[in-house]
């Protein structure tokens, strides 16, 4: 089965925040799926280079309402906790970057905010998906590449 990873960010965010959100989700992906990171390598003169992702990671853009629908449509069940905690479900990984994450200056504040809010109350600013290529293409095919 051919796999694909993609990040979809809120088109209303300023470019700098879009880049930051995509980077945060990419780091979360690397943590959740270390097998997707290539091995360390060296240049001809012996300078070590860290491993890079072995799959492309396109960054797309969509409206907040489309992001919310994408998050819901991506789950085999309406298990929002799995969406918001980047848990792996049925060989797919989901990660969502919410307004709570954007507004929090520390991880402790983020976890407190998340624990006190219902998932359907949180504005979605980005969704990261990883799974079977055709399914990911069907879910994200209408979104424009971030330029």
C-alpha atoms as a PDB file:
ATOM      1  CA  UNK A   1       0.000   0.000   0.000  1.00  0.00           C
ATOM      2  CA  UNK A   2       1.349   3.387  -1.010  1.00  0.00           C
ATOM      3  CA  UNK A   3       1.351   5.924   1.842  1.00  0.00           C
ATOM      4  CA  UNK A   4       1.059   9.710   1.891  1.00  0.00           C
ATOM      5  CA  UNK A   5       1.494  12.464   4.453  1.00  0.00           C
ATOM      6  CA  UNK A   6       0.028  15.967   4.186  1.00  0.00           C
ATOM      7  CA  UNK A   7      -0.495  19.045   6.359  1.00  0.00           C
ATOM      8  CA  UNK A   8      -3.415  21.386   5.698  1.00  0.00           C
ATOM      9  CA  UNK A   9      -3.227  24.833   7.340  1.00  0.00           C
ATOM     10  CA  UNK A  10      -5.814  27.561   7.847  1.00  0.00           C
ATOM     11  CA  UNK A  11      -5.567  29.981   4.924  1.00  0.00           C
ATOM     12  CA  UNK A  12      -6.635  32.866   7.229  1.00  0.00           C
ATOM     13  CA  UNK A  13      -3.471  32.615   9.341  1.00  0.00           C
ATOM     14  CA  UNK A  14      -0.558  34.923   8.500  1.00  0.00           C
ATOM     15  CA  UNK A  15       2.217  33.178   6.511  1.00  0.00           C
ATOM     16  CA  UNK A  16       4.595  33.074   9.487  1.00  0.00           C
ATOM     17  CA  UNK A  17       2.024  31.299  11.644  1.00  0.00           C
ATOM     18  CA  UNK A  18       1.186  28.919   8.801  1.00  0.00           C
ATOM     19  CA  UNK A  19       4.862  27.980   8.600  1.00  0.00           C
ATOM     20  CA  UNK A  20       5.105  27.565  12.380  1.00  0.00           C
ATOM     21  CA  UNK A  21       1.972  25.417  12.598  1.00  0.00           C
ATOM     22  CA  UNK A  22       3.183  23.196   9.732  1.00  0.00           C
ATOM     23  CA  UNK A  23       6.580  22.812  11.420  1.00  0.00           C
ATOM     24  CA  UNK A  24       4.996  21.868  14.752  1.00  0.00           C
ATOM     25  CA  UNK A  25       2.797  19.228  13.121  1.00  0.00           C
ATOM     26  CA  UNK A  26       5.742  17.899  11.101  1.00  0.00           C
ATOM     27  CA  UNK A  27       7.701  17.471  14.341  1.00  0.00           C
ATOM     28  CA  UNK A  28       4.731  15.656  15.872  1.00  0.00           C
ATOM     29  CA  UNK A  29       4.604  13.382  12.828  1.00  0.00           C
ATOM     30  CA  UNK A  30       8.290  12.597  13.147  1.00  0.00           C
ATOM     31  CA  UNK A  31       7.737  11.704  16.782  1.00  0.00           C
ATOM     32  CA  UNK A  32       4.691   9.534  16.041  1.00  0.00           C
ATOM     33  CA  UNK A  33       6.318   7.840  13.026  1.00  0.00           C
ATOM     34  CA  UNK A  34      10.108   7.717  13.429  1.00  0.00           C
ATOM     35  CA  UNK A  35      10.219   5.093  10.665  1.00  0.00           C
ATOM     36  CA  UNK A  36       9.423   7.905   8.210  1.00  0.00           C
ATOM     37  CA  UNK A  37      12.690   9.678   8.998  1.00  0.00           C
ATOM     38  CA  UNK A  38      15.708   8.554   6.977  1.00  0.00           C
ATOM     39  CA  UNK A  39      18.996   7.568   8.542  1.00  0.00           C
ATOM     40  CA  UNK A  40      21.782   9.990   9.331  1.00  0.00           C
ATOM     41  CA  UNK A  41      24.310  10.413   6.534  1.00  0.00           C
ATOM     42  CA  UNK A  42      27.598  12.221   5.906  1.00  0.00           C
ATOM     43  CA  UNK A  43      29.055  14.481   3.267  1.00  0.00           C
ATOM     44  CA  UNK A  44      32.227  13.479   1.405  1.00  0.00           C
ATOM     45  CA  UNK A  45      34.289  15.441   3.953  1.00  0.00           C
ATOM     46  CA  UNK A  46      32.656  13.725   6.940  1.00  0.00           C
ATOM     47  CA  UNK A  47      30.132  16.358   8.051  1.00  0.00           C
ATOM     48  CA  UNK A  48      27.176  14.535   9.601  1.00  0.00           C
ATOM     49  CA  UNK A  49      23.694  15.320   8.291  1.00  0.00           C
ATOM     50  CA  UNK A  50      20.521  14.385  10.166  1.00  0.00           C
ATOM     51  CA  UNK A  51      17.989  12.123   8.496  1.00  0.00           C
ATOM     52  CA  UNK A  52      15.228  13.795   6.514  1.00  0.00           C
ATOM     53  CA  UNK A  53      11.679  12.541   5.945  1.00  0.00           C
ATOM     54  CA  UNK A  54      11.493   9.736   3.394  1.00  0.00           C
ATOM     55  CA  UNK A  55       8.129  10.967   2.084  1.00  0.00           C
ATOM     56  CA  UNK A  56       7.245  14.391   0.678  1.00  0.00           C
ATOM     57  CA  UNK A  57       5.122  16.490   3.051  1.00  0.00           C
ATOM     58  CA  UNK A  58       3.024  18.918   0.996  1.00  0.00           C
ATOM     59  CA  UNK A  59       1.577  21.865   2.884  1.00  0.00           C
ATOM     60  CA  UNK A  60      -1.908  22.752   1.655  1.00  0.00           C
ATOM     61  CA  UNK A  61      -4.337  25.472   2.700  1.00  0.00           C
ATOM     62  CA  UNK A  62      -8.064  25.502   3.419  1.00  0.00           C
ATOM     63  CA  UNK A  63     -10.705  27.485   5.284  1.00  0.00           C
ATOM     64  CA  UNK A  64     -11.316  26.721   8.971  1.00  0.00           C
ATOM     65  CA  UNK A  65     -14.675  25.105   8.251  1.00  0.00           C
ATOM     66  CA  UNK A  66     -13.045  22.815   5.659  1.00  0.00           C
ATOM     67  CA  UNK A  67     -10.374  21.911   8.225  1.00  0.00           C
ATOM     68  CA  UNK A  68     -13.051  20.974  10.749  1.00  0.00           C
ATOM     69  CA  UNK A  69     -14.826  18.816   8.134  1.00  0.00           C
ATOM     70  CA  UNK A  70     -11.501  17.261   7.111  1.00  0.00           C
ATOM     71  CA  UNK A  71     -10.728  16.308  10.701  1.00  0.00           C
ATOM     72  CA  UNK A  72     -14.158  14.711  11.114  1.00  0.00           C
ATOM     73  CA  UNK A  73     -14.077  12.926   7.748  1.00  0.00           C
ATOM     74  CA  UNK A  74     -10.601  11.566   8.417  1.00  0.00           C
ATOM     75  CA  UNK A  75     -11.632   9.557  11.438  1.00  0.00           C
ATOM     76  CA  UNK A  76     -13.138   6.102  11.160  1.00  0.00           C
ATOM     77  CA  UNK A  77     -15.269   7.126  14.168  1.00  0.00           C
ATOM     78  CA  UNK A  78     -16.042  10.474  15.743  1.00  0.00           C
ATOM     79  CA  UNK A  79     -13.242   9.999  18.264  1.00  0.00           C
ATOM     80  CA  UNK A  80     -12.220  13.632  18.618  1.00  0.00           C
ATOM     81  CA  UNK A  81      -9.837  12.845  21.454  1.00  0.00           C
ATOM     82  CA  UNK A  82      -7.760  10.854  18.988  1.00  0.00           C
ATOM     83  CA  UNK A  83      -7.742  13.814  16.607  1.00  0.00           C
ATOM     84  CA  UNK A  84      -6.584  16.262  19.224  1.00  0.00           C
ATOM     85  CA  UNK A  85      -3.921  14.016  20.718  1.00  0.00           C
ATOM     86  CA  UNK A  86      -2.380  12.883  17.400  1.00  0.00           C
ATOM     87  CA  UNK A  87      -3.055   9.214  18.241  1.00  0.00           C
ATOM     88  CA  UNK A  88      -2.646   6.514  15.622  1.00  0.00           C
ATOM     89  CA  UNK A  89      -5.895   4.884  14.506  1.00  0.00           C
ATOM     90  CA  UNK A  90      -6.304   2.063  12.003  1.00  0.00           C
ATOM     91  CA  UNK A  91      -2.868   2.636  10.418  1.00  0.00           C
ATOM     92  CA  UNK A  92      -3.491   6.365  10.000  1.00  0.00           C
ATOM     93  CA  UNK A  93      -2.228   9.212  12.165  1.00  0.00           C
ATOM     94  CA  UNK A  94      -4.176  12.379  12.785  1.00  0.00           C
ATOM     95  CA  UNK A  95      -2.928  15.578  14.321  1.00  0.00           C
ATOM     96  CA  UNK A  96      -4.891  18.792  14.651  1.00  0.00           C
ATOM     97  CA  UNK A  97      -3.496  22.197  15.600  1.00  0.00           C
ATOM     98  CA  UNK A  98      -6.169  24.151  17.455  1.00  0.00           C
ATOM     99  CA  UNK A  99      -6.650  27.744  18.588  1.00  0.00           C
ATOM    100  CA  UNK A 100      -5.748  26.532  22.090  1.00  0.00           C
ATOM    101  CA  UNK A 101      -2.311  25.517  20.817  1.00  0.00           C
ATOM    102  CA  UNK A 102      -1.892  28.798  18.965  1.00  0.00           C
ATOM    103  CA  UNK A 103      -2.794  30.898  22.022  1.00  0.00           C
ATOM    104  CA  UNK A 104      -0.749  28.960  24.587  1.00  0.00           C
ATOM    105  CA  UNK A 105       2.746  30.203  25.435  1.00  0.00           C
ATOM    106  CA  UNK A 106       3.732  26.967  27.222  1.00  0.00           C
ATOM    107  CA  UNK A 107       2.824  23.311  26.876  1.00  0.00           C
ATOM    108  CA  UNK A 108       1.433  23.310  30.424  1.00  0.00           C
ATOM    109  CA  UNK A 109      -1.016  26.102  29.548  1.00  0.00           C
ATOM    110  CA  UNK A 110      -1.960  24.233  26.357  1.00  0.00           C
ATOM    111  CA  UNK A 111      -2.745  20.998  28.186  1.00  0.00           C
ATOM    112  CA  UNK A 112      -4.782  22.864  30.829  1.00  0.00           C
ATOM    113  CA  UNK A 113      -6.762  24.699  28.144  1.00  0.00           C
ATOM    114  CA  UNK A 114      -7.366  21.496  26.211  1.00  0.00           C
ATOM    115  CA  UNK A 115      -8.478  19.628  29.326  1.00  0.00           C
ATOM    116  CA  UNK A 116     -11.089  22.277  30.095  1.00  0.00           C
ATOM    117  CA  UNK A 117     -12.626  22.491  26.594  1.00  0.00           C
ATOM    118  CA  UNK A 118     -14.800  20.195  24.526  1.00  0.00           C
ATOM    119  CA  UNK A 119     -13.253  19.191  21.197  1.00  0.00           C
ATOM    120  CA  UNK A 120     -16.148  20.687  19.219  1.00  0.00           C
ATOM    121  CA  UNK A 121     -15.507  24.069  20.896  1.00  0.00           C
ATOM    122  CA  UNK A 122     -11.936  24.325  19.610  1.00  0.00           C
ATOM    123  CA  UNK A 123     -11.200  26.205  16.406  1.00  0.00           C
ATOM    124  CA  UNK A 124      -9.067  24.100  14.057  1.00  0.00           C
ATOM    125  CA  UNK A 125      -6.053  25.811  12.451  1.00  0.00           C
ATOM    126  CA  UNK A 126      -4.355  22.824  10.822  1.00  0.00           C
ATOM    127  CA  UNK A 127      -4.764  19.104  10.204  1.00  0.00           C
ATOM    128  CA  UNK A 128      -2.003  16.616   9.469  1.00  0.00           C
ATOM    129  CA  UNK A 129      -2.839  13.281   7.872  1.00  0.00           C
ATOM    130  CA  UNK A 130      -0.880  10.148   7.113  1.00  0.00           C
ATOM    131  CA  UNK A 131      -2.294   7.053   5.520  1.00  0.00           C
ATOM    132  CA  UNK A 132      -3.225   5.286   2.308  1.00  0.00           C
ATOM    133  CA  UNK A 133      -2.435   7.586  -0.636  1.00  0.00           C
ATOM    134  CA  UNK A 134      -5.785   7.304  -2.449  1.00  0.00           C
ATOM    135  CA  UNK A 135      -7.753   8.096   0.728  1.00  0.00           C
ATOM    136  CA  UNK A 136      -5.556  11.105   1.529  1.00  0.00           C
ATOM    137  CA  UNK A 137      -5.900  12.329  -2.082  1.00  0.00           C
ATOM    138  CA  UNK A 138      -9.705  12.018  -1.912  1.00  0.00           C
ATOM    139  CA  UNK A 139      -9.799  13.989   1.333  1.00  0.00           C
ATOM    140  CA  UNK A 140      -7.375  16.760   0.327  1.00  0.00           C
ATOM    141  CA  UNK A 141      -7.500  16.881  -3.485  1.00  0.00           C
ATOM    142  CA  UNK A 142      -9.493  20.119  -3.584  1.00  0.00           C
ATOM    143  CA  UNK A 143      -7.094  22.128  -1.416  1.00  0.00           C
ATOM    144  CA  UNK A 144      -4.523  24.495  -2.883  1.00  0.00           C
ATOM    145  CA  UNK A 145      -0.794  24.159  -2.250  1.00  0.00           C
ATOM    146  CA  UNK A 146       0.544  26.774   0.185  1.00  0.00           C
ATOM    147  CA  UNK A 147       2.692  29.196  -1.796  1.00  0.00           C
END
